[in-house]
Structures are given as structure tokens and as C-alpha cells.
All heavy atoms as atom14 arrays in JSON, in Angstrom:
{
  "sequence": "WPRTVSADEVSDRAIAWVEQQAPEGWFLFVQY",
  "atom14_mask": [
    [1, 1, 1, 1, 1, 1, 1, 1, 1, 1, 1, 1, 1, 1],
    [1, 1, 1, 1, 1, 1, 1, 0, 0, 0, 0, 0, 0, 0],
    [1, 1, 1, 1, 1, 1, 1, 1, 1, 1, 1, 0, 0, 0],
    [1, 1, 1, 1, 1, 1, 1, 0, 0, 0, 0, 0, 0, 0],
    [1, 1, 1, 1, 1, 1, 1, 0, 0, 0, 0, 0, 0, 0],
    [1, 1, 1, 1, 1, 1, 0, 0, 0, 0, 0, 0, 0, 0],
    [1, 1, 1, 1, 1, 0, 0, 0, 0, 0, 0, 0, 0, 0],
    [1, 1, 1, 1, 1, 1, 1, 1, 0, 0, 0, 0, 0, 0],
    [1, 1, 1, 1, 1, 1, 1, 1, 1, 0, 0, 0, 0, 0],
    [1, 1, 1, 1, 1, 1, 1, 0, 0, 0, 0, 0, 0, 0],
    [1, 1, 1, 1, 1, 1, 0, 0, 0, 0, 0, 0, 0, 0],
    [1, 1, 1, 1, 1, 1, 1, 1, 0, 0, 0, 0, 0, 0],
    [1, 1, 1, 1, 1, 1, 1, 1, 1, 1, 1, 0, 0, 0],
    [1, 1, 1, 1, 1, 0, 0, 0, 0, 0, 0, 0, 0, 0],
    [1, 1, 1, 1, 1, 1, 1, 1, 0, 0, 0, 0, 0, 0],
    [1, 1, 1, 1, 1, 0, 0, 0, 0, 0, 0, 0, 0, 0],
    [1, 1, 1, 1, 1, 1, 1, 1, 1, 1, 1, 1, 1, 1],
    [1, 1, 1, 1, 1, 1, 1, 0, 0, 0, 0, 0, 0, 0],
    [1, 1, 1, 1, 1, 1, 1, 1, 1, 0, 0, 0, 0, 0],
    [1, 1, 1, 1, 1, 1, 1, 1, 1, 0, 0, 0, 0, 0],
    [1, 1, 1, 1, 1, 1, 1, 1, 1, 0, 0, 0, 0, 0],
    [1, 1, 1, 1, 1, 0, 0, 0, 0, 0, 0, 0, 0, 0],
    [1, 1, 1, 1, 1, 1, 1, 0, 0, 0, 0, 0, 0, 0],
    [1, 1, 1, 1, 1, 1, 1, 1, 1, 0, 0, 0, 0, 0],
    [1, 1, 1, 1, 0, 0, 0, 0, 0, 0, 0, 0, 0, 0],
    [1, 1, 1, 1, 1, 1, 1, 1, 1, 1, 1, 1, 1, 1],
    [1, 1, 1, 1, 1, 1, 1, 1, 1, 1, 1, 0, 0, 0],
    [1, 1, 1, 1, 1, 1, 1, 1, 0, 0, 0, 0, 0, 0],
    [1, 1, 1, 1, 1, 1, 1, 1, 1, 1, 1, 0, 0, 0],
    [1, 1, 1, 1, 1, 1, 1, 0, 0, 0, 0, 0, 0, 0],
    [1, 1, 1, 1, 1, 1, 1, 1, 1, 0, 0, 0, 0, 0],
    [1, 1, 1, 1, 1, 1, 1, 1, 1, 1, 1, 1, 0, 0]
  ],
  "atom14_positions": [
    [[-11.72, -89.5, 62.35], [-12.39, -89.6, 63.64], [-11.8, -88.64, 64.66], [-10.59, -88.37, 64.62], [-12.22, -91.07, 64.18], [-12.81, -92.08, 63.28], [-12.14, -92.78, 62.29], [-14.15, -92.49, 63.26], [-13.02, -93.6, 61.67], [-14.26, -93.47, 62.2], [-15.32, -92.2, 63.95], [-15.48, -94.09, 61.92], [-16.48, -92.78, 63.66], [-16.57, -93.75, 62.61]],
    [[-12.6, -88.0, 65.49], [-14.07, -88.25, 65.62], [-14.83, -87.6, 64.47], [-14.33, -86.76, 63.75], [-14.41, -87.55, 66.92], [-13.4, -86.42, 67.01], [-12.14, -86.96, 66.41], [0.0, 0.0, 0.0], [0.0, 0.0, 0.0], [0.0, 0.0, 0.0], [0.0, 0.0, 0.0], [0.0, 0.0, 0.0], [0.0, 0.0, 0.0], [0.0, 0.0, 0.0]],
    [[-16.07, -88.11, 64.27], [-16.83, -87.62, 63.13], [-17.25, -86.15, 63.31], [-17.52, -85.46, 62.36], [-18.1, -88.51, 62.96], [-17.8, -89.93, 62.73], [-16.94, -90.15, 61.5], [-17.71, -89.87, 60.31], [-18.47, -90.73, 59.73], [-18.59, -92.02, 60.19], [-19.16, -90.51, 58.6], [0.0, 0.0, 0.0], [0.0, 0.0, 0.0], [0.0, 0.0, 0.0]],
    [[-17.36, -85.68, 64.51], [-17.67, -84.27, 64.74], [-16.38, -83.47, 64.86], [-15.32, -83.99, 65.11], [-18.44, -84.04, 66.03], [-17.69, -84.6, 67.15], [-19.79, -84.76, 65.96], [0.0, 0.0, 0.0], [0.0, 0.0, 0.0], [0.0, 0.0, 0.0], [0.0, 0.0, 0.0], [0.0, 0.0, 0.0], [0.0, 0.0, 0.0], [0.0, 0.0, 0.0]],
    [[-16.49, -82.18, 64.55], [-15.37, -81.3, 64.6], [-15.27, -80.73, 66.05], [-16.27, -80.3, 66.61], [-15.47, -80.14, 63.6], [-14.25, -79.25, 63.61], [-15.68, -80.66, 62.22], [0.0, 0.0, 0.0], [0.0, 0.0, 0.0], [0.0, 0.0, 0.0], [0.0, 0.0, 0.0], [0.0, 0.0, 0.0], [0.0, 0.0, 0.0], [0.0, 0.0, 0.0]],
    [[-14.09, -80.7, 66.59], [-13.92, -80.25, 68.02], [-14.26, -78.81, 68.11], [-14.17, -78.03, 67.13], [-12.54, -80.51, 68.46], [-11.59, -79.65, 67.78], [0.0, 0.0, 0.0], [0.0, 0.0, 0.0], [0.0, 0.0, 0.0], [0.0, 0.0, 0.0], [0.0, 0.0, 0.0], [0.0, 0.0, 0.0], [0.0, 0.0, 0.0], [0.0, 0.0, 0.0]],
    [[-14.63, -78.37, 69.29], [-15.04, -76.99, 69.54], [-13.85, -76.05, 69.29], [-14.03, -74.97, 68.75], [-15.46, -76.85, 70.99], [0.0, 0.0, 0.0], [0.0, 0.0, 0.0], [0.0, 0.0, 0.0], [0.0, 0.0, 0.0], [0.0, 0.0, 0.0], [0.0, 0.0, 0.0], [0.0, 0.0, 0.0], [0.0, 0.0, 0.0], [0.0, 0.0, 0.0]],
    [[-12.66, -76.47, 69.64], [-11.5, -75.62, 69.35], [-11.26, -75.38, 67.88], [-11.0, -74.26, 67.46], [-10.23, -76.25, 69.96], [-10.16, -76.13, 71.49], [-10.78, -75.2, 72.01], [-9.53, -76.99, 72.17], [0.0, 0.0, 0.0], [0.0, 0.0, 0.0], [0.0, 0.0, 0.0], [0.0, 0.0, 0.0], [0.0, 0.0, 0.0], [0.0, 0.0, 0.0]],
    [[-11.46, -76.39, 67.1], [-11.25, -76.28, 65.67], [-12.38, -75.47, 65.02], [-12.14, -74.63, 64.14], [-11.24, -77.68, 64.94], [-10.86, -77.62, 63.53], [-10.64, -78.95, 62.93], [-10.49, -79.94, 63.71], [-10.62, -79.1, 61.66], [0.0, 0.0, 0.0], [0.0, 0.0, 0.0], [0.0, 0.0, 0.0], [0.0, 0.0, 0.0], [0.0, 0.0, 0.0]],
    [[-13.6, -75.61, 65.54], [-14.7, -74.78, 65.09], [-14.43, -73.32, 65.29], [-14.59, -72.44, 64.43], [-16.01, -75.18, 65.72], [-17.13, -74.19, 65.36], [-16.45, -76.59, 65.22], [0.0, 0.0, 0.0], [0.0, 0.0, 0.0], [0.0, 0.0, 0.0], [0.0, 0.0, 0.0], [0.0, 0.0, 0.0], [0.0, 0.0, 0.0], [0.0, 0.0, 0.0]],
    [[-13.98, -72.97, 66.54], [-13.69, -71.6, 66.9], [-12.46, -71.06, 66.06], [-12.47, -69.92, 65.58], [-13.33, -71.45, 68.34], [-14.57, -71.54, 69.15], [0.0, 0.0, 0.0], [0.0, 0.0, 0.0], [0.0, 0.0, 0.0], [0.0, 0.0, 0.0], [0.0, 0.0, 0.0], [0.0, 0.0, 0.0], [0.0, 0.0, 0.0], [0.0, 0.0, 0.0]],
    [[-11.42, -71.9, 65.85], [-10.29, -71.47, 65.03], [-10.76, -71.1, 63.66], [-10.3, -70.03, 63.11], [-9.26, -72.58, 64.96], [-8.51, -72.85, 66.28], [-8.59, -71.91, 67.14], [-7.96, -73.91, 66.48], [0.0, 0.0, 0.0], [0.0, 0.0, 0.0], [0.0, 0.0, 0.0], [0.0, 0.0, 0.0], [0.0, 0.0, 0.0], [0.0, 0.0, 0.0]],
    [[-11.6, -71.91, 63.04], [-12.08, -71.63, 61.69], [-12.93, -70.39, 61.64], [-12.78, -69.57, 60.78], [-12.88, -72.81, 61.17], [-12.07, -74.08, 60.89], [-12.96, -75.23, 60.56], [-12.25, -76.41, 60.16], [-12.79, -77.6, 59.86], [-14.09, -77.7, 59.81], [-12.06, -78.61, 59.52], [0.0, 0.0, 0.0], [0.0, 0.0, 0.0], [0.0, 0.0, 0.0]],
    [[-13.77, -70.24, 62.68], [-14.66, -69.08, 62.7], [-13.86, -67.77, 62.91], [-14.03, -66.76, 62.24], [-15.69, -69.22, 63.88], [0.0, 0.0, 0.0], [0.0, 0.0, 0.0], [0.0, 0.0, 0.0], [0.0, 0.0, 0.0], [0.0, 0.0, 0.0], [0.0, 0.0, 0.0], [0.0, 0.0, 0.0], [0.0, 0.0, 0.0], [0.0, 0.0, 0.0]],
    [[-12.84, -67.82, 63.82], [-12.04, -66.63, 64.04], [-11.26, -66.24, 62.79], [-11.13, -65.05, 62.43], [-11.11, -66.93, 65.28], [-11.93, -66.98, 66.52], [-10.05, -65.83, 65.37], [-11.14, -67.48, 67.69], [0.0, 0.0, 0.0], [0.0, 0.0, 0.0], [0.0, 0.0, 0.0], [0.0, 0.0, 0.0], [0.0, 0.0, 0.0], [0.0, 0.0, 0.0]],
    [[-10.69, -67.24, 62.15], [-9.95, -66.95, 60.93], [-10.79, -66.29, 59.87], [-10.42, -65.38, 59.14], [-9.36, -68.28, 60.36], [0.0, 0.0, 0.0], [0.0, 0.0, 0.0], [0.0, 0.0, 0.0], [0.0, 0.0, 0.0], [0.0, 0.0, 0.0], [0.0, 0.0, 0.0], [0.0, 0.0, 0.0], [0.0, 0.0, 0.0], [0.0, 0.0, 0.0]],
    [[-12.05, -66.75, 59.75], [-12.99, -66.13, 58.78], [-13.35, -64.76, 59.19], [-13.39, -63.84, 58.33], [-14.22, -66.98, 58.65], [-15.16, -66.55, 57.56], [-15.06, -66.8, 56.23], [-16.33, -65.71, 57.74], [-16.11, -66.19, 55.6], [-16.89, -65.49, 56.44], [-16.95, -65.12, 58.84], [-18.03, -64.77, 56.26], [-18.06, -64.32, 58.65], [-18.61, -64.17, 57.38]],
    [[-13.61, -64.51, 60.44], [-14.04, -63.19, 60.96], [-12.91, -62.19, 60.65], [-13.15, -61.0, 60.25], [-14.34, -63.24, 62.46], [-14.48, -61.81, 63.03], [-15.67, -63.98, 62.69], [0.0, 0.0, 0.0], [0.0, 0.0, 0.0], [0.0, 0.0, 0.0], [0.0, 0.0, 0.0], [0.0, 0.0, 0.0], [0.0, 0.0, 0.0], [0.0, 0.0, 0.0]],
    [[-11.68, -62.54, 60.85], [-10.54, -61.67, 60.67], [-10.35, -61.22, 59.24], [-9.72, -60.21, 58.96], [-9.27, -62.36, 61.14], [-9.21, -62.54, 62.66], [-7.99, -63.26, 63.14], [-7.31, -63.93, 62.24], [-7.67, -63.32, 64.35], [0.0, 0.0, 0.0], [0.0, 0.0, 0.0], [0.0, 0.0, 0.0], [0.0, 0.0, 0.0], [0.0, 0.0, 0.0]],
    [[-10.96, -61.97, 58.31], [-10.85, -61.6, 56.89], [-12.05, -60.76, 56.39], [-12.05, -60.38, 55.28], [-10.81, -62.89, 56.02], [-9.56, -63.74, 56.35], [-9.62, -65.06, 55.6], [-10.57, -65.36, 54.84], [-8.61, -65.91, 55.8], [0.0, 0.0, 0.0], [0.0, 0.0, 0.0], [0.0, 0.0, 0.0], [0.0, 0.0, 0.0], [0.0, 0.0, 0.0]],
    [[-13.01, -60.51, 57.25], [-14.25, -59.83, 56.82], [-14.2, -58.36, 57.06], [-13.42, -57.82, 57.82], [-15.47, -60.43, 57.56], [-15.61, -61.89, 57.36], [-15.56, -62.34, 55.94], [-16.32, -61.82, 55.11], [-14.66, -63.28, 55.65], [0.0, 0.0, 0.0], [0.0, 0.0, 0.0], [0.0, 0.0, 0.0], [0.0, 0.0, 0.0], [0.0, 0.0, 0.0]],
    [[-15.04, -57.67, 56.28], [-15.21, -56.22, 56.45], [-15.84, -55.96, 57.84], [-16.42, -56.86, 58.46], [-16.06, -55.66, 55.31], [0.0, 0.0, 0.0], [0.0, 0.0, 0.0], [0.0, 0.0, 0.0], [0.0, 0.0, 0.0], [0.0, 0.0, 0.0], [0.0, 0.0, 0.0], [0.0, 0.0, 0.0], [0.0, 0.0, 0.0], [0.0, 0.0, 0.0]],
    [[-15.82, -54.75, 58.34], [-16.45, -54.43, 59.59], [-17.93, -54.63, 59.69], [-18.47, -54.59, 60.84], [-16.08, -52.96, 59.84], [-14.98, -52.62, 58.85], [-15.23, -53.58, 57.72], [0.0, 0.0, 0.0], [0.0, 0.0, 0.0], [0.0, 0.0, 0.0], [0.0, 0.0, 0.0], [0.0, 0.0, 0.0], [0.0, 0.0, 0.0], [0.0, 0.0, 0.0]],
    [[-18.64, -54.75, 58.62], [-20.06, -54.82, 58.69], [-20.62, -55.68, 57.55], [-19.91, -56.03, 56.61], [-20.71, -53.45, 58.63], [-20.27, -52.64, 57.39], [-20.75, -51.21, 57.48], [-21.19, -50.74, 58.55], [-20.67, -50.55, 56.43], [0.0, 0.0, 0.0], [0.0, 0.0, 0.0], [0.0, 0.0, 0.0], [0.0, 0.0, 0.0], [0.0, 0.0, 0.0]],
    [[-21.91, -56.06, 57.64], [-22.59, -56.68, 56.52], [-22.38, -58.24, 56.37], [-22.48, -58.73, 55.27], [0.0, 0.0, 0.0], [0.0, 0.0, 0.0], [0.0, 0.0, 0.0], [0.0, 0.0, 0.0], [0.0, 0.0, 0.0], [0.0, 0.0, 0.0], [0.0, 0.0, 0.0], [0.0, 0.0, 0.0], [0.0, 0.0, 0.0], [0.0, 0.0, 0.0]],
    [[-22.14, -58.95, 57.51], [-21.98, -60.36, 57.41], [-22.72, -61.1, 58.54], [-22.93, -60.5, 59.67], [-20.55, -60.83, 57.32], [-19.61, -60.2, 58.32], [-18.84, -59.09, 58.24], [-19.3, -60.7, 59.69], [-18.11, -58.87, 59.38], [-18.4, -59.84, 60.27], [-19.79, -61.81, 60.42], [-17.89, -60.02, 61.58], [-19.3, -61.98, 61.71], [-18.37, -61.1, 62.29]],
    [[-23.07, -62.37, 58.24], [-23.8, -63.2, 59.2], [-23.04, -64.46, 59.35], [-22.73, -65.17, 58.38], [-25.26, -63.47, 58.73], [-25.93, -64.57, 59.48], [-26.14, -64.48, 60.83], [-26.36, -65.72, 58.81], [-26.78, -65.48, 61.54], [-27.07, -66.7, 59.45], [-27.27, -66.61, 60.83], [0.0, 0.0, 0.0], [0.0, 0.0, 0.0], [0.0, 0.0, 0.0]],
    [[-22.71, -64.86, 60.58], [-21.92, -66.04, 60.87], [-22.75, -67.01, 61.77], [-23.17, -66.57, 62.83], [-20.6, -65.7, 61.53], [-19.72, -66.85, 62.02], [-19.24, -67.77, 60.88], [-18.54, -66.37, 62.76], [0.0, 0.0, 0.0], [0.0, 0.0, 0.0], [0.0, 0.0, 0.0], [0.0, 0.0, 0.0], [0.0, 0.0, 0.0], [0.0, 0.0, 0.0]],
    [[-22.9, -68.17, 61.33], [-23.58, -69.26, 62.13], [-22.5, -70.24, 62.61], [-21.78, -70.76, 61.76], [-24.67, -69.96, 61.25], [-25.22, -71.22, 61.91], [-25.98, -71.12, 63.07], [-24.97, -72.44, 61.4], [-26.54, -72.22, 63.65], [-25.54, -73.62, 61.94], [-26.32, -73.47, 63.11], [0.0, 0.0, 0.0], [0.0, 0.0, 0.0], [0.0, 0.0, 0.0]],
    [[-22.43, -70.45, 63.9], [-21.47, -71.35, 64.5], [-22.17, -72.39, 65.35], [-23.02, -71.98, 66.18], [-20.45, -70.55, 65.38], [-19.34, -71.5, 65.88], [-19.84, -69.41, 64.6], [0.0, 0.0, 0.0], [0.0, 0.0, 0.0], [0.0, 0.0, 0.0], [0.0, 0.0, 0.0], [0.0, 0.0, 0.0], [0.0, 0.0, 0.0], [0.0, 0.0, 0.0]],
    [[-21.84, -73.66, 65.11], [-22.46, -74.74, 65.89], [-21.39, -75.6, 66.49], [-20.47, -76.07, 65.83], [-23.34, -75.6, 64.97], [-24.14, -76.64, 65.7], [-23.61, -78.07, 65.47], [-22.74, -78.3, 64.67], [-24.12, -79.01, 66.2], [0.0, 0.0, 0.0], [0.0, 0.0, 0.0], [0.0, 0.0, 0.0], [0.0, 0.0, 0.0], [0.0, 0.0, 0.0]],
    [[-21.54, -75.82, 67.82], [-20.65, -76.72, 68.59], [-21.36, -77.99, 68.96], [-22.46, -77.91, 69.43], [-20.16, -75.96, 69.86], [-19.37, -74.72, 69.62], [-20.01, -73.52, 69.56], [-18.02, -74.79, 69.44], [-19.27, -72.31, 69.31], [-17.24, -73.61, 69.2], [-17.88, -72.39, 69.14], [-17.16, -71.29, 68.9], [0.0, 0.0, 0.0], [0.0, 0.0, 0.0]]
  ]
}
């Protein structure tokens, strides 16, 4: 709980993924 993921955690996960990607060729969908 809570059943939803907090905005801070969503951003943390998204930022960590972005830092591992190449400079081009990817699509990221983020929902708060």
C-alpha cells in the first residue's frame, strides 16, 4: 500500500532507465 506507485518513484524508475539508453531510438511512456 498504497496500490498506486508514487510520482517520485515513477520518476526515479524512468530516470534510471533513460540513463541506460542510447542517445536516440527509444520511446518512453510515463504515467503519474
